[in-house]
Amino acid sequence: MDWSTGDLVWFDPGLGHPLPGEIQEVHRAAQMIIVQALINGKACRGACCTRPPMQQLHWKRYHERKQK
């Protein structure tokens, strides 16, 4: 999957449900994505490895999830 800075995504940080977030940084060489989400009005950032299997990371592009 080709990710870009500014993409809106759903990210599951392990809370049992996905959170909407925005990709802040994409590090292709390190295969890392930095995403920022608002939790209780505070900005929280998390990193995620983009190596397969991608489906286990619970990442979805926001517009793809919204269409369902």
PDB file of N, CA and C in Angstrom:
ATOM      1  N   MET A   1       0.842  -1.166   0.000  1.00  0.00           N
ATOM      2  CA  MET A   1       0.000   0.000   0.000  1.00  0.00           C
ATOM      3  C   MET A   1       0.890   1.233   0.000  1.00  0.00           C
ATOM      4  N   ASP A   2       0.505   2.239  -0.743  1.00  0.00           N
ATOM      5  CA  ASP A   2       1.300   3.458  -0.846  1.00  0.00           C
ATOM      6  C   ASP A   2       0.702   4.527   0.060  1.00  0.00           C
ATOM      7  N   TRP A   3       1.369   4.816   1.165  1.00  0.00           N
ATOM      8  CA  TRP A   3       0.897   5.786   2.146  1.00  0.00           C
ATOM      9  C   TRP A   3       1.568   7.124   1.915  1.00  0.00           C
ATOM     10  N   SER A   4       0.854   8.209   2.214  1.00  0.00           N
ATOM     11  CA  SER A   4       1.393   9.554   2.052  1.00  0.00           C
ATOM     12  C   SER A   4       1.082  10.393   3.284  1.00  0.00           C
ATOM     13  N   THR A   5       1.947  11.366   3.551  1.00  0.00           N
ATOM     14  CA  THR A   5       1.707  12.309   4.634  1.00  0.00           C
ATOM     15  C   THR A   5       0.373  13.009   4.393  1.00  0.00           C
ATOM     16  N   GLY A   6      -0.428  13.128   5.437  1.00  0.00           N
ATOM     17  CA  GLY A   6      -1.729  13.775   5.328  1.00  0.00           C
ATOM     18  C   GLY A   6      -2.882  12.823   5.094  1.00  0.00           C
ATOM     19  N   ASP A   7      -2.597  11.560   4.733  1.00  0.00           N
ATOM     20  CA  ASP A   7      -3.674  10.583   4.553  1.00  0.00           C
ATOM     21  C   ASP A   7      -4.424  10.406   5.867  1.00  0.00           C
ATOM     22  N   LEU A   8      -5.744  10.345   5.777  1.00  0.00           N
ATOM     23  CA  LEU A   8      -6.570  10.062   6.942  1.00  0.00           C
ATOM     24  C   LEU A   8      -6.776   8.562   7.016  1.00  0.00           C
ATOM     25  N   VAL A   9      -6.515   7.984   8.183  1.00  0.00           N
ATOM     26  CA  VAL A   9      -6.563   6.534   8.345  1.00  0.00           C
ATOM     27  C   VAL A   9      -7.293   6.177   9.638  1.00  0.00           C
ATOM     28  N   TRP A  10      -7.690   4.927   9.731  1.00  0.00           N
ATOM     29  CA  TRP A  10      -8.168   4.354  10.982  1.00  0.00           C
ATOM     30  C   TRP A  10      -7.011   3.540  11.534  1.00  0.00           C
ATOM     31  N   PHE A  11      -6.688   3.741  12.801  1.00  0.00           N
ATOM     32  CA  PHE A  11      -5.539   3.104  13.424  1.00  0.00           C
ATOM     33  C   PHE A  11      -5.995   2.416  14.704  1.00  0.00           C
ATOM     34  N   ASP A  12      -5.639   1.142  14.862  1.00  0.00           N
ATOM     35  CA  ASP A  12      -5.986   0.405  16.078  1.00  0.00           C
ATOM     36  C   ASP A  12      -4.761   0.348  16.975  1.00  0.00           C
ATOM     37  N   PRO A  13      -4.715   1.184  18.010  1.00  0.00           N
ATOM     38  CA  PRO A  13      -3.557   1.206  18.905  1.00  0.00           C
ATOM     39  C   PRO A  13      -3.612   0.129  19.980  1.00  0.00           C
ATOM     40  N   GLY A  14      -4.548  -0.807  19.869  1.00  0.00           N
ATOM     41  CA  GLY A  14      -4.660  -1.876  20.845  1.00  0.00           C
ATOM     42  C   GLY A  14      -5.690  -1.593  21.927  1.00  0.00           C
ATOM     43  N   LEU A  15      -6.571  -0.633  21.693  1.00  0.00           N
ATOM     44  CA  LEU A  15      -7.609  -0.295  22.668  1.00  0.00           C
ATOM     45  C   LEU A  15      -8.878  -1.117  22.475  1.00  0.00           C
ATOM     46  N   GLY A  16      -8.908  -1.923  21.428  1.00  0.00           N
ATOM     47  CA  GLY A  16     -10.093  -2.712  21.141  1.00  0.00           C
ATOM     48  C   GLY A  16     -10.993  -2.096  20.092  1.00  0.00           C
ATOM     49  N   HIS A  17     -10.648  -0.896  19.646  1.00  0.00           N
ATOM     50  CA  HIS A  17     -11.409  -0.247  18.580  1.00  0.00           C
ATOM     51  C   HIS A  17     -10.489   0.733  17.854  1.00  0.00           C
ATOM     52  N   PRO A  18     -10.728   0.924  16.549  1.00  0.00           N
ATOM     53  CA  PRO A  18      -9.869   1.838  15.781  1.00  0.00           C
ATOM     54  C   PRO A  18     -10.175   3.297  16.084  1.00  0.00           C
ATOM     55  N   LEU A  19      -9.153   4.128  15.942  1.00  0.00           N
ATOM     56  CA  LEU A  19      -9.274   5.574  16.113  1.00  0.00           C
ATOM     57  C   LEU A  19      -8.957   6.261  14.792  1.00  0.00           C
ATOM     58  N   PRO A  20      -9.638   7.352  14.464  1.00  0.00           N
ATOM     59  CA  PRO A  20      -9.261   8.102  13.268  1.00  0.00           C
ATOM     60  C   PRO A  20      -7.974   8.868  13.540  1.00  0.00           C
ATOM     61  N   GLY A  21      -7.112   8.901  12.555  1.00  0.00           N
ATOM     62  CA  GLY A  21      -5.852   9.615  12.706  1.00  0.00           C
ATOM     63  C   GLY A  21      -5.352  10.133  11.369  1.00  0.00           C
ATOM     64  N   GLU A  22      -4.269  10.870  11.423  1.00  0.00           N
ATOM     65  CA  GLU A  22      -3.662  11.438  10.221  1.00  0.00           C
ATOM     66  C   GLU A  22      -2.199  11.034  10.178  1.00  0.00           C
ATOM     67  N   ILE A  23      -1.738  10.580   9.009  1.00  0.00           N
ATOM     68  CA  ILE A  23      -0.332  10.212   8.847  1.00  0.00           C
ATOM     69  C   ILE A  23       0.507  11.477   8.865  1.00  0.00           C
ATOM     70  N   GLN A  24       1.459  11.545   9.792  1.00  0.00           N
ATOM     71  CA  GLN A  24       2.338  12.693   9.953  1.00  0.00           C
ATOM     72  C   GLN A  24       3.655  12.503   9.212  1.00  0.00           C
ATOM     73  N   GLU A  25       4.184  11.288   9.224  1.00  0.00           N
ATOM     74  CA  GLU A  25       5.469  11.002   8.580  1.00  0.00           C
ATOM     75  C   GLU A  25       5.434   9.606   7.978  1.00  0.00           C
ATOM     76  N   VAL A  26       6.085   9.443   6.841  1.00  0.00           N
ATOM     77  CA  VAL A  26       6.248   8.142   6.205  1.00  0.00           C
ATOM     78  C   VAL A  26       7.738   7.942   5.983  1.00  0.00           C
ATOM     79  N   HIS A  27       8.284   6.884   6.561  1.00  0.00           N
ATOM     80  CA  HIS A  27       9.706   6.558   6.414  1.00  0.00           C
ATOM     81  C   HIS A  27       9.796   5.251   5.625  1.00  0.00           C
ATOM     82  N   ARG A  28       9.886   5.382   4.306  1.00  0.00           N
ATOM     83  CA  ARG A  28       9.870   4.196   3.456  1.00  0.00           C
ATOM     84  C   ARG A  28      11.078   3.292   3.669  1.00  0.00           C
ATOM     85  N   ALA A  29      12.259   3.863   3.851  1.00  0.00           N
ATOM     86  CA  ALA A  29      13.460   3.043   4.035  1.00  0.00           C
ATOM     87  C   ALA A  29      13.358   2.193   5.302  1.00  0.00           C
ATOM     88  N   ALA A  30      12.805   2.756   6.362  1.00  0.00           N
ATOM     89  CA  ALA A  30      12.653   2.030   7.626  1.00  0.00           C
ATOM     90  C   ALA A  30      11.320   1.287   7.697  1.00  0.00           C
ATOM     91  N   GLN A  31      10.478   1.477   6.687  1.00  0.00           N
ATOM     92  CA  GLN A  31       9.139   0.889   6.625  1.00  0.00           C
ATOM     93  C   GLN A  31       8.339   1.228   7.881  1.00  0.00           C
ATOM     94  N   MET A  32       8.310   2.524   8.213  1.00  0.00           N
ATOM     95  CA  MET A  32       7.599   3.009   9.394  1.00  0.00           C
ATOM     96  C   MET A  32       6.636   4.125   9.004  1.00  0.00           C
ATOM     97  N   ILE A  33       5.513   4.184   9.697  1.00  0.00           N
ATOM     98  CA  ILE A  33       4.530   5.248   9.533  1.00  0.00           C
ATOM     99  C   ILE A  33       4.300   5.858  10.908  1.00  0.00           C
ATOM    100  N   ILE A  34       4.284   7.191  10.978  1.00  0.00           N
ATOM    101  CA  ILE A  34       3.952   7.897  12.212  1.00  0.00           C
ATOM    102  C   ILE A  34       2.561   8.488  12.025  1.00  0.00           C
ATOM    103  N   VAL A  35       1.640   8.142  12.916  1.00  0.00           N
ATOM    104  CA  VAL A  35       0.261   8.629  12.825  1.00  0.00           C
ATOM    105  C   VAL A  35      -0.066   9.434  14.075  1.00  0.00           C
ATOM    106  N   GLN A  36      -0.892  10.452  13.911  1.00  0.00           N
ATOM    107  CA  GLN A  36      -1.326  11.273  15.038  1.00  0.00           C
ATOM    108  C   GLN A  36      -2.837  11.183  15.154  1.00  0.00           C
ATOM    109  N   ALA A  37      -3.314  11.002  16.374  1.00  0.00           N
ATOM    110  CA  ALA A  37      -4.745  10.949  16.644  1.00  0.00           C
ATOM    111  C   ALA A  37      -5.052  11.849  17.829  1.00  0.00           C
ATOM    112  N   LEU A  38      -6.283  12.341  17.892  1.00  0.00           N
ATOM    113  CA  LEU A  38      -6.722  13.124  19.045  1.00  0.00           C
ATOM    114  C   LEU A  38      -7.444  12.201  20.016  1.00  0.00           C
ATOM    115  N   ILE A  39      -6.961  12.150  21.256  1.00  0.00           N
ATOM    116  CA  ILE A  39      -7.579  11.346  22.304  1.00  0.00           C
ATOM    117  C   ILE A  39      -7.855  12.275  23.476  1.00  0.00           C
ATOM    118  N   ASN A  40      -9.117  12.414  23.836  1.00  0.00           N
ATOM    119  CA  ASN A  40      -9.526  13.343  24.900  1.00  0.00           C
ATOM    120  C   ASN A  40      -8.993  14.748  24.648  1.00  0.00           C
ATOM    121  N   GLY A  41      -8.992  15.173  23.384  1.00  0.00           N
ATOM    122  CA  GLY A  41      -8.554  16.517  23.031  1.00  0.00           C
ATOM    123  C   GLY A  41      -7.055  16.716  22.992  1.00  0.00           C
ATOM    124  N   LYS A  42      -6.280  15.646  23.217  1.00  0.00           N
ATOM    125  CA  LYS A  42      -4.819  15.749  23.199  1.00  0.00           C
ATOM    126  C   LYS A  42      -4.269  14.978  22.004  1.00  0.00           C
ATOM    127  N   ALA A  43      -3.270  15.554  21.356  1.00  0.00           N
ATOM    128  CA  ALA A  43      -2.639  14.895  20.210  1.00  0.00           C
ATOM    129  C   ALA A  43      -1.727  13.784  20.714  1.00  0.00           C
ATOM    130  N   CYS A  44      -1.919  12.582  20.188  1.00  0.00           N
ATOM    131  CA  CYS A  44      -1.089  11.425  20.529  1.00  0.00           C
ATOM    132  C   CYS A  44      -0.503  10.874  19.242  1.00  0.00           C
ATOM    133  N   ARG A  45       0.771  10.538  19.279  1.00  0.00           N
ATOM    134  CA  ARG A  45       1.431  10.000  18.094  1.00  0.00           C
ATOM    135  C   ARG A  45       1.841   8.565  18.350  1.00  0.00           C
ATOM    136  N   GLY A  46       1.803   7.772  17.294  1.00  0.00           N
ATOM    137  CA  GLY A  46       2.223   6.386  17.382  1.00  0.00           C
ATOM    138  C   GLY A  46       2.937   5.983  16.115  1.00  0.00           C
ATOM    139  N   ALA A  47       3.800   4.995  16.232  1.00  0.00           N
ATOM    140  CA  ALA A  47       4.537   4.478  15.078  1.00  0.00           C
ATOM    141  C   ALA A  47       4.056   3.075  14.779  1.00  0.00           C
ATOM    142  N   CYS A  48       4.106   2.715  13.519  1.00  0.00           N
ATOM    143  CA  CYS A  48       3.675   1.389  13.116  1.00  0.00           C
ATOM    144  C   CYS A  48       4.569   0.894  11.992  1.00  0.00           C
ATOM    145  N   CYS A  49       4.961  -0.343  12.103  1.00  0.00           N
ATOM    146  CA  CYS A  49       5.767  -0.971  11.059  1.00  0.00           C
ATOM    147  C   CYS A  49       4.847  -1.329   9.898  1.00  0.00           C
ATOM    148  N   THR A  50       5.294  -1.098   8.674  1.00  0.00           N
ATOM    149  CA  THR A  50       4.441  -1.366   7.510  1.00  0.00           C
ATOM    150  C   THR A  50       4.758  -2.690   6.834  1.00  0.00           C
ATOM    151  N   ARG A  51       5.616  -3.495   7.434  1.00  0.00           N
ATOM    152  CA  ARG A  51       5.921  -4.786   6.819  1.00  0.00           C
ATOM    153  C   ARG A  51       4.681  -5.689   6.871  1.00  0.00           C
ATOM    154  N   PRO A  52       4.543  -6.595   5.910  1.00  0.00           N
ATOM    155  CA  PRO A  52       3.410  -7.526   5.925  1.00  0.00           C
ATOM    156  C   PRO A  52       3.465  -8.391   7.185  1.00  0.00           C
ATOM    157  N   PRO A  53       2.363  -8.953   7.674  1.00  0.00           N
ATOM    158  CA  PRO A  53       1.031  -8.862   7.072  1.00  0.00           C
ATOM    159  C   PRO A  53       0.305  -7.590   7.465  1.00  0.00           C
ATOM    160  N   MET A  54      -0.002  -6.779   6.488  1.00  0.00           N
ATOM    161  CA  MET A  54      -0.623  -5.483   6.708  1.00  0.00           C
ATOM    162  C   MET A  54      -1.987  -5.599   7.394  1.00  0.00           C
ATOM    163  N   GLN A  55      -2.760  -6.653   7.089  1.00  0.00           N
ATOM    164  CA  GLN A  55      -4.102  -6.761   7.650  1.00  0.00           C
ATOM    165  C   GLN A  55      -4.077  -6.888   9.169  1.00  0.00           C
ATOM    166  N   GLN A  56      -2.991  -7.344   9.757  1.00  0.00           N
ATOM    167  CA  GLN A  56      -2.916  -7.469  11.209  1.00  0.00           C
ATOM    168  C   GLN A  56      -2.702  -6.127  11.890  1.00  0.00           C
ATOM    169  N   LEU A  57      -2.346  -5.099  11.150  1.00  0.00           N
ATOM    170  CA  LEU A  57      -2.086  -3.794  11.732  1.00  0.00           C
ATOM    171  C   LEU A  57      -3.343  -2.945  11.856  1.00  0.00           C
ATOM    172  N   HIS A  58      -4.427  -3.396  11.254  1.00  0.00           N
ATOM    173  CA  HIS A  58      -5.715  -2.713  11.341  1.00  0.00           C
ATOM    174  C   HIS A  58      -5.667  -1.292  10.785  1.00  0.00           C
ATOM    175  N   TRP A  59      -4.874  -1.085   9.754  1.00  0.00           N
ATOM    176  CA  TRP A  59      -4.834   0.225   9.100  1.00  0.00           C
ATOM    177  C   TRP A  59      -5.810   0.198   7.942  1.00  0.00           C
ATOM    178  N   LYS A  60      -6.586   1.227   7.801  1.00  0.00           N
ATOM    179  CA  LYS A  60      -7.468   1.382   6.644  1.00  0.00           C
ATOM    180  C   LYS A  60      -7.480   2.844   6.266  1.00  0.00           C
ATOM    181  N   ARG A  61      -7.493   3.091   5.002  1.00  0.00           N
ATOM    182  CA  ARG A  61      -7.644   4.474   4.565  1.00  0.00           C
ATOM    183  C   ARG A  61      -9.021   4.956   5.003  1.00  0.00           C
ATOM    184  N   TYR A  62      -9.090   6.177   5.495  1.00  0.00           N
ATOM    185  CA  TYR A  62     -10.318   6.736   6.056  1.00  0.00           C
ATOM    186  C   TYR A  62     -11.469   6.676   5.064  1.00  0.00           C
ATOM    187  N   HIS A  63     -11.228   7.073   3.810  1.00  0.00           N
ATOM    188  CA  HIS A  63     -12.333   7.113   2.849  1.00  0.00           C
ATOM    189  C   HIS A  63     -12.819   5.715   2.491  1.00  0.00           C
ATOM    190  N   GLU A  64     -11.939   4.703   2.542  1.00  0.00           N
ATOM    191  CA  GLU A  64     -12.365   3.333   2.265  1.00  0.00           C
ATOM    192  C   GLU A  64     -13.271   2.839   3.381  1.00  0.00           C
ATOM    193  N   ARG A  65     -12.907   3.134   4.622  1.00  0.00           N
ATOM    194  CA  ARG A  65     -13.699   2.710   5.782  1.00  0.00           C
ATOM    195  C   ARG A  65     -15.041   3.446   5.807  1.00  0.00           C
ATOM    196  N   LYS A  66     -15.029   4.706   5.444  1.00  0.00           N
ATOM    197  CA  LYS A  66     -16.225   5.540   5.492  1.00  0.00           C
ATOM    198  C   LYS A  66     -17.271   5.085   4.475  1.00  0.00           C
ATOM    199  N   GLN A  67     -16.839   4.500   3.355  1.00  0.00           N
ATOM    200  CA  GLN A  67     -17.765   4.073   2.312  1.00  0.00           C
ATOM    201  C   GLN A  67     -18.564   2.844   2.719  1.00  0.00           C
ATOM    202  N   LYS A  68     -18.088   2.071   3.686  1.00  0.00           N
ATOM    203  CA  LYS A  68     -18.767   0.827   4.081  1.00  0.00           C
ATOM    204  C   LYS A  68     -19.971   1.083   4.948  1.00  0.00           C
TER     205      LYS A  68
END
